[in-house]
Amino acid sequence: PVVFFQQVPEGKTVKNRLHFCLQPTD
């Protein structure tokens, strides 16, 4: 998937309900 960034007026206030889990490749 594409990673899409969208401007919103409010800041983050609570824990993410969805997040990336990254696994290093090298």
mmCIF file of all heavy atoms, coordinates in Angstrom:
data_MODEL
# 
_entry.id   MODEL 
# 
loop_
_atom_site.group_PDB 
_atom_site.id 
_atom_site.type_symbol 
_atom_site.label_atom_id 
_atom_site.label_alt_id 
_atom_site.label_comp_id 
_atom_site.label_asym_id 
_atom_site.label_entity_id 
_atom_site.label_seq_id 
_atom_site.pdbx_PDB_ins_code 
_atom_site.Cartn_x 
_atom_site.Cartn_y 
_atom_site.Cartn_z 
_atom_site.occupancy 
_atom_site.B_iso_or_equiv 
_atom_site.pdbx_formal_charge 
_atom_site.auth_seq_id 
_atom_site.auth_comp_id 
_atom_site.auth_asym_id 
_atom_site.auth_atom_id 
_atom_site.pdbx_PDB_model_num 
ATOM 1   N N   . PRO A 1 1  ? 0.805   -1.214  0.000  1.00 0.00 ? 1  PRO A N   1 
ATOM 2   C CA  . PRO A 1 1  ? 0.000   0.000   0.000  1.00 0.00 ? 1  PRO A CA  1 
ATOM 3   C C   . PRO A 1 1  ? 0.845   1.275   0.000  1.00 0.00 ? 1  PRO A C   1 
ATOM 4   O O   . PRO A 1 1  ? 1.982   1.291   0.458  1.00 0.00 ? 1  PRO A O   1 
ATOM 5   C CB  . PRO A 1 1  ? -0.812  -0.104  1.287  1.00 0.00 ? 1  PRO A CB  1 
ATOM 6   C CG  . PRO A 1 1  ? -0.021  -0.992  2.177  1.00 0.00 ? 1  PRO A CG  1 
ATOM 7   C CD  . PRO A 1 1  ? 0.720   -1.933  1.273  1.00 0.00 ? 1  PRO A CD  1 
ATOM 8   N N   . VAL A 1 2  ? 0.254   2.311   -0.529 1.00 0.00 ? 2  VAL A N   1 
ATOM 9   C CA  . VAL A 1 2  ? 0.805   3.660   -0.474 1.00 0.00 ? 2  VAL A CA  1 
ATOM 10  C C   . VAL A 1 2  ? 0.623   4.171   0.954  1.00 0.00 ? 2  VAL A C   1 
ATOM 11  O O   . VAL A 1 2  ? -0.332  3.805   1.637  1.00 0.00 ? 2  VAL A O   1 
ATOM 12  C CB  . VAL A 1 2  ? 0.025   4.559   -1.473 1.00 0.00 ? 2  VAL A CB  1 
ATOM 13  C CG1 . VAL A 1 2  ? 0.319   6.025   -1.269 1.00 0.00 ? 2  VAL A CG1 1 
ATOM 14  C CG2 . VAL A 1 2  ? 0.297   4.121   -2.901 1.00 0.00 ? 2  VAL A CG2 1 
ATOM 15  N N   . VAL A 1 3  ? 1.540   5.006   1.442  1.00 0.00 ? 3  VAL A N   1 
ATOM 16  C CA  . VAL A 1 3  ? 1.363   5.663   2.731  1.00 0.00 ? 3  VAL A CA  1 
ATOM 17  C C   . VAL A 1 3  ? 0.928   7.089   2.418  1.00 0.00 ? 3  VAL A C   1 
ATOM 18  O O   . VAL A 1 3  ? 1.633   7.841   1.734  1.00 0.00 ? 3  VAL A O   1 
ATOM 19  C CB  . VAL A 1 3  ? 2.646   5.642   3.583  1.00 0.00 ? 3  VAL A CB  1 
ATOM 20  C CG1 . VAL A 1 3  ? 2.383   6.284   4.940  1.00 0.00 ? 3  VAL A CG1 1 
ATOM 21  C CG2 . VAL A 1 3  ? 3.149   4.213   3.756  1.00 0.00 ? 3  VAL A CG2 1 
ATOM 22  N N   . PHE A 1 4  ? -0.266  7.440   2.872  1.00 0.00 ? 4  PHE A N   1 
ATOM 23  C CA  . PHE A 1 4  ? -0.912  8.715   2.561  1.00 0.00 ? 4  PHE A CA  1 
ATOM 24  C C   . PHE A 1 4  ? -0.956  9.570   3.817  1.00 0.00 ? 4  PHE A C   1 
ATOM 25  O O   . PHE A 1 4  ? -1.384  9.103   4.872  1.00 0.00 ? 4  PHE A O   1 
ATOM 26  C CB  . PHE A 1 4  ? -2.336  8.425   2.063  1.00 0.00 ? 4  PHE A CB  1 
ATOM 27  C CG  . PHE A 1 4  ? -3.176  9.625   1.809  1.00 0.00 ? 4  PHE A CG  1 
ATOM 28  C CD1 . PHE A 1 4  ? -2.994  10.391  0.675  1.00 0.00 ? 4  PHE A CD1 1 
ATOM 29  C CD2 . PHE A 1 4  ? -4.176  9.995   2.692  1.00 0.00 ? 4  PHE A CD2 1 
ATOM 30  C CE1 . PHE A 1 4  ? -3.783  11.500  0.426  1.00 0.00 ? 4  PHE A CE1 1 
ATOM 31  C CE2 . PHE A 1 4  ? -4.974  11.100  2.466  1.00 0.00 ? 4  PHE A CE2 1 
ATOM 32  C CZ  . PHE A 1 4  ? -4.769  11.854  1.326  1.00 0.00 ? 4  PHE A CZ  1 
ATOM 33  N N   . PHE A 1 5  ? -0.490  10.806  3.720  1.00 0.00 ? 5  PHE A N   1 
ATOM 34  C CA  . PHE A 1 5  ? -0.478  11.738  4.845  1.00 0.00 ? 5  PHE A CA  1 
ATOM 35  C C   . PHE A 1 5  ? -1.510  12.819  4.572  1.00 0.00 ? 5  PHE A C   1 
ATOM 36  O O   . PHE A 1 5  ? -1.516  13.419  3.502  1.00 0.00 ? 5  PHE A O   1 
ATOM 37  C CB  . PHE A 1 5  ? 0.915   12.352  5.017  1.00 0.00 ? 5  PHE A CB  1 
ATOM 38  C CG  . PHE A 1 5  ? 1.954   11.319  5.304  1.00 0.00 ? 5  PHE A CG  1 
ATOM 39  C CD1 . PHE A 1 5  ? 2.567   10.622  4.275  1.00 0.00 ? 5  PHE A CD1 1 
ATOM 40  C CD2 . PHE A 1 5  ? 2.289   11.005  6.606  1.00 0.00 ? 5  PHE A CD2 1 
ATOM 41  C CE1 . PHE A 1 5  ? 3.511   9.644   4.535  1.00 0.00 ? 5  PHE A CE1 1 
ATOM 42  C CE2 . PHE A 1 5  ? 3.220   10.033  6.886  1.00 0.00 ? 5  PHE A CE2 1 
ATOM 43  C CZ  . PHE A 1 5  ? 3.837   9.345   5.848  1.00 0.00 ? 5  PHE A CZ  1 
ATOM 44  N N   . GLN A 1 6  ? -2.346  13.054  5.555  1.00 0.00 ? 6  GLN A N   1 
ATOM 45  C CA  . GLN A 1 6  ? -3.463  13.988  5.408  1.00 0.00 ? 6  GLN A CA  1 
ATOM 46  C C   . GLN A 1 6  ? -3.399  15.016  6.531  1.00 0.00 ? 6  GLN A C   1 
ATOM 47  O O   . GLN A 1 6  ? -3.332  14.660  7.706  1.00 0.00 ? 6  GLN A O   1 
ATOM 48  C CB  . GLN A 1 6  ? -4.745  13.166  5.485  1.00 0.00 ? 6  GLN A CB  1 
ATOM 49  C CG  . GLN A 1 6  ? -6.001  13.873  5.798  1.00 0.00 ? 6  GLN A CG  1 
ATOM 50  C CD  . GLN A 1 6  ? -7.142  12.890  5.801  1.00 0.00 ? 6  GLN A CD  1 
ATOM 51  O OE1 . GLN A 1 6  ? -7.662  12.569  4.749  1.00 0.00 ? 6  GLN A OE1 1 
ATOM 52  N NE2 . GLN A 1 6  ? -7.534  12.388  6.957  1.00 0.00 ? 6  GLN A NE2 1 
ATOM 53  N N   . GLN A 1 7  ? -3.412  16.277  6.152  1.00 0.00 ? 7  GLN A N   1 
ATOM 54  C CA  . GLN A 1 7  ? -3.363  17.350  7.146  1.00 0.00 ? 7  GLN A CA  1 
ATOM 55  C C   . GLN A 1 7  ? -4.709  17.465  7.852  1.00 0.00 ? 7  GLN A C   1 
ATOM 56  O O   . GLN A 1 7  ? -5.757  17.475  7.212  1.00 0.00 ? 7  GLN A O   1 
ATOM 57  C CB  . GLN A 1 7  ? -3.020  18.668  6.462  1.00 0.00 ? 7  GLN A CB  1 
ATOM 58  C CG  . GLN A 1 7  ? -2.785  19.805  7.414  1.00 0.00 ? 7  GLN A CG  1 
ATOM 59  C CD  . GLN A 1 7  ? -2.374  21.058  6.655  1.00 0.00 ? 7  GLN A CD  1 
ATOM 60  O OE1 . GLN A 1 7  ? -2.967  21.402  5.639  1.00 0.00 ? 7  GLN A OE1 1 
ATOM 61  N NE2 . GLN A 1 7  ? -1.352  21.722  7.158  1.00 0.00 ? 7  GLN A NE2 1 
ATOM 62  N N   . VAL A 1 8  ? -4.661  17.503  9.172  1.00 0.00 ? 8  VAL A N   1 
ATOM 63  C CA  . VAL A 1 8  ? -5.863  17.689  9.987  1.00 0.00 ? 8  VAL A CA  1 
ATOM 64  C C   . VAL A 1 8  ? -5.586  18.795  11.004 1.00 0.00 ? 8  VAL A C   1 
ATOM 65  O O   . VAL A 1 8  ? -4.433  19.024  11.372 1.00 0.00 ? 8  VAL A O   1 
ATOM 66  C CB  . VAL A 1 8  ? -6.291  16.383  10.697 1.00 0.00 ? 8  VAL A CB  1 
ATOM 67  C CG1 . VAL A 1 8  ? -6.672  15.303  9.692  1.00 0.00 ? 8  VAL A CG1 1 
ATOM 68  C CG2 . VAL A 1 8  ? -5.215  15.875  11.629 1.00 0.00 ? 8  VAL A CG2 1 
ATOM 69  N N   . PRO A 1 9  ? -6.616  19.485  11.470 1.00 0.00 ? 9  PRO A N   1 
ATOM 70  C CA  . PRO A 1 9  ? -6.389  20.607  12.381 1.00 0.00 ? 9  PRO A CA  1 
ATOM 71  C C   . PRO A 1 9  ? -6.049  20.203  13.814 1.00 0.00 ? 9  PRO A C   1 
ATOM 72  O O   . PRO A 1 9  ? -5.368  20.930  14.522 1.00 0.00 ? 9  PRO A O   1 
ATOM 73  C CB  . PRO A 1 9  ? -7.708  21.370  12.335 1.00 0.00 ? 9  PRO A CB  1 
ATOM 74  C CG  . PRO A 1 9  ? -8.723  20.354  11.939 1.00 0.00 ? 9  PRO A CG  1 
ATOM 75  C CD  . PRO A 1 9  ? -8.004  19.375  11.051 1.00 0.00 ? 9  PRO A CD  1 
ATOM 76  N N   . GLU A 1 10 ? -6.492  19.035  14.236 1.00 0.00 ? 10 GLU A N   1 
ATOM 77  C CA  . GLU A 1 10 ? -6.276  18.637  15.631 1.00 0.00 ? 10 GLU A CA  1 
ATOM 78  C C   . GLU A 1 10 ? -5.022  17.781  15.747 1.00 0.00 ? 10 GLU A C   1 
ATOM 79  O O   . GLU A 1 10 ? -4.640  17.070  14.829 1.00 0.00 ? 10 GLU A O   1 
ATOM 80  C CB  . GLU A 1 10 ? -7.487  17.869  16.169 1.00 0.00 ? 10 GLU A CB  1 
ATOM 81  C CG  . GLU A 1 10 ? -7.730  16.515  15.559 1.00 0.00 ? 10 GLU A CG  1 
ATOM 82  C CD  . GLU A 1 10 ? -8.448  16.520  14.214 1.00 0.00 ? 10 GLU A CD  1 
ATOM 83  O OE1 . GLU A 1 10 ? -8.937  17.576  13.770 1.00 0.00 ? 10 GLU A OE1 1 
ATOM 84  O OE2 . GLU A 1 10 ? -8.517  15.442  13.605 1.00 0.00 ? 10 GLU A OE2 1 
ATOM 85  N N   . GLY A 1 11 ? -4.391  17.850  16.908 1.00 0.00 ? 11 GLY A N   1 
ATOM 86  C CA  . GLY A 1 11 ? -3.224  17.028  17.184 1.00 0.00 ? 11 GLY A CA  1 
ATOM 87  C C   . GLY A 1 11 ? -3.624  15.664  17.709 1.00 0.00 ? 11 GLY A C   1 
ATOM 88  O O   . GLY A 1 11 ? -4.781  15.425  18.051 1.00 0.00 ? 11 GLY A O   1 
ATOM 89  N N   . LYS A 1 12 ? -2.669  14.762  17.792 1.00 0.00 ? 12 LYS A N   1 
ATOM 90  C CA  . LYS A 1 12 ? -2.913  13.431  18.333 1.00 0.00 ? 12 LYS A CA  1 
ATOM 91  C C   . LYS A 1 12 ? -3.133  13.548  19.841 1.00 0.00 ? 12 LYS A C   1 
ATOM 92  O O   . LYS A 1 12 ? -2.400  14.250  20.522 1.00 0.00 ? 12 LYS A O   1 
ATOM 93  C CB  . LYS A 1 12 ? -1.708  12.537  18.049 1.00 0.00 ? 12 LYS A CB  1 
ATOM 94  C CG  . LYS A 1 12 ? -1.892  11.128  18.540 1.00 0.00 ? 12 LYS A CG  1 
ATOM 95  C CD  . LYS A 1 12 ? -0.658  10.301  18.222 1.00 0.00 ? 12 LYS A CD  1 
ATOM 96  C CE  . LYS A 1 12 ? -0.708  8.969   18.878 1.00 0.00 ? 12 LYS A CE  1 
ATOM 97  N NZ  . LYS A 1 12 ? -0.782  9.001   20.325 1.00 0.00 ? 12 LYS A NZ  1 
ATOM 98  N N   . THR A 1 13 ? -4.146  12.856  20.345 1.00 0.00 ? 13 THR A N   1 
ATOM 99  C CA  . THR A 1 13 ? -4.461  12.968  21.770 1.00 0.00 ? 13 THR A CA  1 
ATOM 100 C C   . THR A 1 13 ? -4.478  11.639  22.511 1.00 0.00 ? 13 THR A C   1 
ATOM 101 O O   . THR A 1 13 ? -4.382  11.621  23.728 1.00 0.00 ? 13 THR A O   1 
ATOM 102 C CB  . THR A 1 13 ? -5.825  13.659  21.987 1.00 0.00 ? 13 THR A CB  1 
ATOM 103 O OG1 . THR A 1 13 ? -6.833  12.914  21.301 1.00 0.00 ? 13 THR A OG1 1 
ATOM 104 C CG2 . THR A 1 13 ? -5.803  15.085  21.469 1.00 0.00 ? 13 THR A CG2 1 
ATOM 105 N N   . VAL A 1 14 ? -4.644  10.527  21.802 1.00 0.00 ? 14 VAL A N   1 
ATOM 106 C CA  . VAL A 1 14 ? -4.720  9.223   22.471 1.00 0.00 ? 14 VAL A CA  1 
ATOM 107 C C   . VAL A 1 14 ? -3.870  8.204   21.719 1.00 0.00 ? 14 VAL A C   1 
ATOM 108 O O   . VAL A 1 14 ? -3.368  8.474   20.631 1.00 0.00 ? 14 VAL A O   1 
ATOM 109 C CB  . VAL A 1 14 ? -6.172  8.705   22.571 1.00 0.00 ? 14 VAL A CB  1 
ATOM 110 C CG1 . VAL A 1 14 ? -7.019  9.625   23.429 1.00 0.00 ? 14 VAL A CG1 1 
ATOM 111 C CG2 . VAL A 1 14 ? -6.797  8.538   21.205 1.00 0.00 ? 14 VAL A CG2 1 
ATOM 112 N N   . LYS A 1 15 ? -3.745  7.026   22.297 1.00 0.00 ? 15 LYS A N   1 
ATOM 113 C CA  . LYS A 1 15 ? -2.979  5.946   21.679 1.00 0.00 ? 15 LYS A CA  1 
ATOM 114 C C   . LYS A 1 15 ? -3.560  5.590   20.305 1.00 0.00 ? 15 LYS A C   1 
ATOM 115 O O   . LYS A 1 15 ? -4.774  5.580   20.119 1.00 0.00 ? 15 LYS A O   1 
ATOM 116 C CB  . LYS A 1 15 ? -3.015  4.717   22.586 1.00 0.00 ? 15 LYS A CB  1 
ATOM 117 C CG  . LYS A 1 15 ? -2.188  3.558   22.074 1.00 0.00 ? 15 LYS A CG  1 
ATOM 118 C CD  . LYS A 1 15 ? -2.309  2.363   23.024 1.00 0.00 ? 15 LYS A CD  1 
ATOM 119 C CE  . LYS A 1 15 ? -1.505  1.194   22.552 1.00 0.00 ? 15 LYS A CE  1 
ATOM 120 N NZ  . LYS A 1 15 ? -1.925  0.627   21.284 1.00 0.00 ? 15 LYS A NZ  1 
ATOM 121 N N   . ASN A 1 16 ? -2.659  5.267   19.370 1.00 0.00 ? 16 ASN A N   1 
ATOM 122 C CA  . ASN A 1 16 ? -3.100  4.821   18.048 1.00 0.00 ? 16 ASN A CA  1 
ATOM 123 C C   . ASN A 1 16 ? -3.954  3.559   18.177 1.00 0.00 ? 16 ASN A C   1 
ATOM 124 O O   . ASN A 1 16 ? -3.661  2.700   19.005 1.00 0.00 ? 16 ASN A O   1 
ATOM 125 C CB  . ASN A 1 16 ? -1.908  4.421   17.173 1.00 0.00 ? 16 ASN A CB  1 
ATOM 126 C CG  . ASN A 1 16 ? -0.920  5.507   16.905 1.00 0.00 ? 16 ASN A CG  1 
ATOM 127 O OD1 . ASN A 1 16 ? -0.883  6.530   17.566 1.00 0.00 ? 16 ASN A OD1 1 
ATOM 128 N ND2 . ASN A 1 16 ? -0.097  5.271   15.925 1.00 0.00 ? 16 ASN A ND2 1 
ATOM 129 N N   . ARG A 1 17 ? -4.946  3.423   17.354 1.00 0.00 ? 17 ARG A N   1 
ATOM 130 C CA  . ARG A 1 17 ? -5.712  2.179   17.281 1.00 0.00 ? 17 ARG A CA  1 
ATOM 131 C C   . ARG A 1 17 ? -5.140  1.265   16.205 1.00 0.00 ? 17 ARG A C   1 
ATOM 132 O O   . ARG A 1 17 ? -5.463  0.090   16.136 1.00 0.00 ? 17 ARG A O   1 
ATOM 133 C CB  . ARG A 1 17 ? -7.186  2.479   16.977 1.00 0.00 ? 17 ARG A CB  1 
ATOM 134 C CG  . ARG A 1 17 ? -7.919  3.231   18.061 1.00 0.00 ? 17 ARG A CG  1 
ATOM 135 C CD  . ARG A 1 17 ? -8.073  2.432   19.346 1.00 0.00 ? 17 ARG A CD  1 
ATOM 136 N NE  . ARG A 1 17 ? -8.783  1.200   19.178 1.00 0.00 ? 17 ARG A NE  1 
ATOM 137 C CZ  . ARG A 1 17 ? -10.060 1.012   19.441 1.00 0.00 ? 17 ARG A CZ  1 
ATOM 138 N NH1 . ARG A 1 17 ? -10.795 1.996   19.909 1.00 0.00 ? 17 ARG A NH1 1 
ATOM 139 N NH2 . ARG A 1 17 ? -10.622 -0.145  19.249 1.00 0.00 ? 17 ARG A NH2 1 
ATOM 140 N N   . LEU A 1 18 ? -4.308  1.805   15.334 1.00 0.00 ? 18 LEU A N   1 
ATOM 141 C CA  . LEU A 1 18 ? -3.661  1.065   14.260 1.00 0.00 ? 18 LEU A CA  1 
ATOM 142 C C   . LEU A 1 18 ? -2.239  1.596   14.182 1.00 0.00 ? 18 LEU A C   1 
ATOM 143 O O   . LEU A 1 18 ? -2.033  2.811   14.304 1.00 0.00 ? 18 LEU A O   1 
ATOM 144 C CB  . LEU A 1 18 ? -4.397  1.319   12.943 1.00 0.00 ? 18 LEU A CB  1 
ATOM 145 C CG  . LEU A 1 18 ? -3.828  0.709   11.673 1.00 0.00 ? 18 LEU A CG  1 
ATOM 146 C CD1 . LEU A 1 18 ? -4.087  -0.794  11.659 1.00 0.00 ? 18 LEU A CD1 1 
ATOM 147 C CD2 . LEU A 1 18 ? -4.460  1.353   10.457 1.00 0.00 ? 18 LEU A CD2 1 
ATOM 148 N N   . HIS A 1 19 ? -1.263  0.711   14.018 1.00 0.00 ? 19 HIS A N   1 
ATOM 149 C CA  . HIS A 1 19 ? 0.110   1.194   13.917 1.00 0.00 ? 19 HIS A CA  1 
ATOM 150 C C   . HIS A 1 19 ? 0.950   0.250   13.064 1.00 0.00 ? 19 HIS A C   1 
ATOM 151 O O   . HIS A 1 19 ? 0.572   -0.891  12.821 1.00 0.00 ? 19 HIS A O   1 
ATOM 152 C CB  . HIS A 1 19 ? 0.749   1.352   15.310 1.00 0.00 ? 19 HIS A CB  1 
ATOM 153 C CG  . HIS A 1 19 ? 0.918   0.079   16.057 1.00 0.00 ? 19 HIS A CG  1 
ATOM 154 N ND1 . HIS A 1 19 ? -0.023  -0.378  16.959 1.00 0.00 ? 19 HIS A ND1 1 
ATOM 155 C CD2 . HIS A 1 19 ? 1.901   -0.849  16.051 1.00 0.00 ? 19 HIS A CD2 1 
ATOM 156 C CE1 . HIS A 1 19 ? 0.378   -1.530  17.462 1.00 0.00 ? 19 HIS A CE1 1 
ATOM 157 N NE2 . HIS A 1 19 ? 1.544   -1.839  16.927 1.00 0.00 ? 19 HIS A NE2 1 
ATOM 158 N N   . PHE A 1 20 ? 2.082   0.765   12.605 1.00 0.00 ? 20 PHE A N   1 
ATOM 159 C CA  . PHE A 1 20 ? 3.029   -0.046  11.852 1.00 0.00 ? 20 PHE A CA  1 
ATOM 160 C C   . PHE A 1 20 ? 3.849   -0.891  12.818 1.00 0.00 ? 20 PHE A C   1 
ATOM 161 O O   . PHE A 1 20 ? 4.226   -0.427  13.886 1.00 0.00 ? 20 PHE A O   1 
ATOM 162 C CB  . PHE A 1 20 ? 4.012   0.833   11.069 1.00 0.00 ? 20 PHE A CB  1 
ATOM 163 C CG  . PHE A 1 20 ? 3.399   1.639   9.964  1.00 0.00 ? 20 PHE A CG  1 
ATOM 164 C CD1 . PHE A 1 20 ? 3.572   3.009   9.938  1.00 0.00 ? 20 PHE A CD1 1 
ATOM 165 C CD2 . PHE A 1 20 ? 2.688   1.041   8.942  1.00 0.00 ? 20 PHE A CD2 1 
ATOM 166 C CE1 . PHE A 1 20 ? 3.036   3.771   8.919  1.00 0.00 ? 20 PHE A CE1 1 
ATOM 167 C CE2 . PHE A 1 20 ? 2.150   1.792   7.916  1.00 0.00 ? 20 PHE A CE2 1 
ATOM 168 C CZ  . PHE A 1 20 ? 2.317   3.155   7.905  1.00 0.00 ? 20 PHE A CZ  1 
ATOM 169 N N   . CYS A 1 21 ? 4.155   -2.123  12.416 1.00 0.00 ? 21 CYS A N   1 
ATOM 170 C CA  . CYS A 1 21 ? 5.139   -2.952  13.080 1.00 0.00 ? 21 CYS A CA  1 
ATOM 171 C C   . CYS A 1 21 ? 6.231   -3.187  12.048 1.00 0.00 ? 21 CYS A C   1 
ATOM 172 O O   . CYS A 1 21 ? 5.989   -3.812  11.019 1.00 0.00 ? 21 CYS A O   1 
ATOM 173 C CB  . CYS A 1 21 ? 4.543   -4.285  13.529 1.00 0.00 ? 21 CYS A CB  1 
ATOM 174 S SG  . CYS A 1 21 ? 3.417   -4.119  14.924 1.00 0.00 ? 21 CYS A SG  1 
ATOM 175 N N   . LEU A 1 22 ? 7.405   -2.634  12.303 1.00 0.00 ? 22 LEU A N   1 
ATOM 176 C CA  . LEU A 1 22 ? 8.508   -2.688  11.351 1.00 0.00 ? 22 LEU A CA  1 
ATOM 177 C C   . LEU A 1 22 ? 9.466   -3.807  11.712 1.00 0.00 ? 22 LEU A C   1 
ATOM 178 O O   . LEU A 1 22 ? 9.796   -3.999  12.879 1.00 0.00 ? 22 LEU A O   1 
ATOM 179 C CB  . LEU A 1 22 ? 9.268   -1.361  11.360 1.00 0.00 ? 22 LEU A CB  1 
ATOM 180 C CG  . LEU A 1 22 ? 8.431   -0.100  11.135 1.00 0.00 ? 22 LEU A CG  1 
ATOM 181 C CD1 . LEU A 1 22 ? 9.322   1.128   11.236 1.00 0.00 ? 22 LEU A CD1 1 
ATOM 182 C CD2 . LEU A 1 22 ? 7.720   -0.148  9.791  1.00 0.00 ? 22 LEU A CD2 1 
ATOM 183 N N   . GLN A 1 23 ? 9.940   -4.524  10.694 1.00 0.00 ? 23 GLN A N   1 
ATOM 184 C CA  . GLN A 1 23 ? 10.962  -5.548  10.884 1.00 0.00 ? 23 GLN A CA  1 
ATOM 185 C C   . GLN A 1 23 ? 12.164  -5.137  10.039 1.00 0.00 ? 23 GLN A C   1 
ATOM 186 O O   . GLN A 1 23 ? 12.064  -5.053  8.811  1.00 0.00 ? 23 GLN A O   1 
ATOM 187 C CB  . GLN A 1 23 ? 10.468  -6.924  10.456 1.00 0.00 ? 23 GLN A CB  1 
ATOM 188 C CG  . GLN A 1 23 ? 11.472  -8.019  10.738 1.00 0.00 ? 23 GLN A CG  1 
ATOM 189 C CD  . GLN A 1 23 ? 10.964  -9.380  10.335 1.00 0.00 ? 23 GLN A CD  1 
ATOM 190 O OE1 . GLN A 1 23 ? 10.477  -9.561  9.225  1.00 0.00 ? 23 GLN A OE1 1 
ATOM 191 N NE2 . GLN A 1 23 ? 11.091  -10.337 11.228 1.00 0.00 ? 23 GLN A NE2 1 
ATOM 192 N N   . PRO A 1 24 ? 13.308  -4.856  10.669 1.00 0.00 ? 24 PRO A N   1 
ATOM 193 C CA  . PRO A 1 24 ? 14.494  -4.465  9.907  1.00 0.00 ? 24 PRO A CA  1 
ATOM 194 C C   . PRO A 1 24 ? 14.887  -5.540  8.902  1.00 0.00 ? 24 PRO A C   1 
ATOM 195 O O   . PRO A 1 24 ? 14.769  -6.737  9.181  1.00 0.00 ? 24 PRO A O   1 
ATOM 196 C CB  . PRO A 1 24 ? 15.582  -4.309  10.971 1.00 0.00 ? 24 PRO A CB  1 
ATOM 197 C CG  . PRO A 1 24 ? 14.861  -4.212  12.271 1.00 0.00 ? 24 PRO A CG  1 
ATOM 198 C CD  . PRO A 1 24 ? 13.570  -4.930  12.108 1.00 0.00 ? 24 PRO A CD  1 
ATOM 199 N N   . THR A 1 25 ? 15.364  -5.108  7.743  1.00 0.00 ? 25 THR A N   1 
ATOM 200 C CA  . THR A 1 25 ? 15.752  -6.053  6.695  1.00 0.00 ? 25 THR A CA  1 
ATOM 201 C C   . THR A 1 25 ? 17.250  -6.272  6.623  1.00 0.00 ? 25 THR A C   1 
ATOM 202 O O   . THR A 1 25 ? 17.689  -7.318  6.169  1.00 0.00 ? 25 THR A O   1 
ATOM 203 C CB  . THR A 1 25 ? 15.262  -5.557  5.320  1.00 0.00 ? 25 THR A CB  1 
ATOM 204 O OG1 . THR A 1 25 ? 15.814  -4.259  5.086  1.00 0.00 ? 25 THR A OG1 1 
ATOM 205 C CG2 . THR A 1 25 ? 13.745  -5.497  5.273  1.00 0.00 ? 25 THR A CG2 1 
ATOM 206 N N   . ASP A 1 26 ? 18.045  -5.293  7.047  1.00 0.00 ? 26 ASP A N   1 
ATOM 207 C CA  . ASP A 1 26 ? 19.490  -5.415  6.868  1.00 0.00 ? 26 ASP A CA  1 
ATOM 208 C C   . ASP A 1 26 ? 20.296  -4.984  8.096  1.00 0.00 ? 26 ASP A C   1 
ATOM 209 O O   . ASP A 1 26 ? 21.461  -4.643  7.990  1.00 0.00 ? 26 ASP A O   1 
ATOM 210 C CB  . ASP A 1 26 ? 19.939  -4.624  5.646  1.00 0.00 ? 26 ASP A CB  1 
ATOM 211 C CG  . ASP A 1 26 ? 19.589  -3.148  5.730  1.00 0.00 ? 26 ASP A CG  1 
ATOM 212 O OD1 . ASP A 1 26 ? 18.897  -2.734  6.681  1.00 0.00 ? 26 ASP A OD1 1 
ATOM 213 O OD2 . ASP A 1 26 ? 20.008  -2.397  4.837  1.00 0.00 ? 26 ASP A OD2 1 
# 
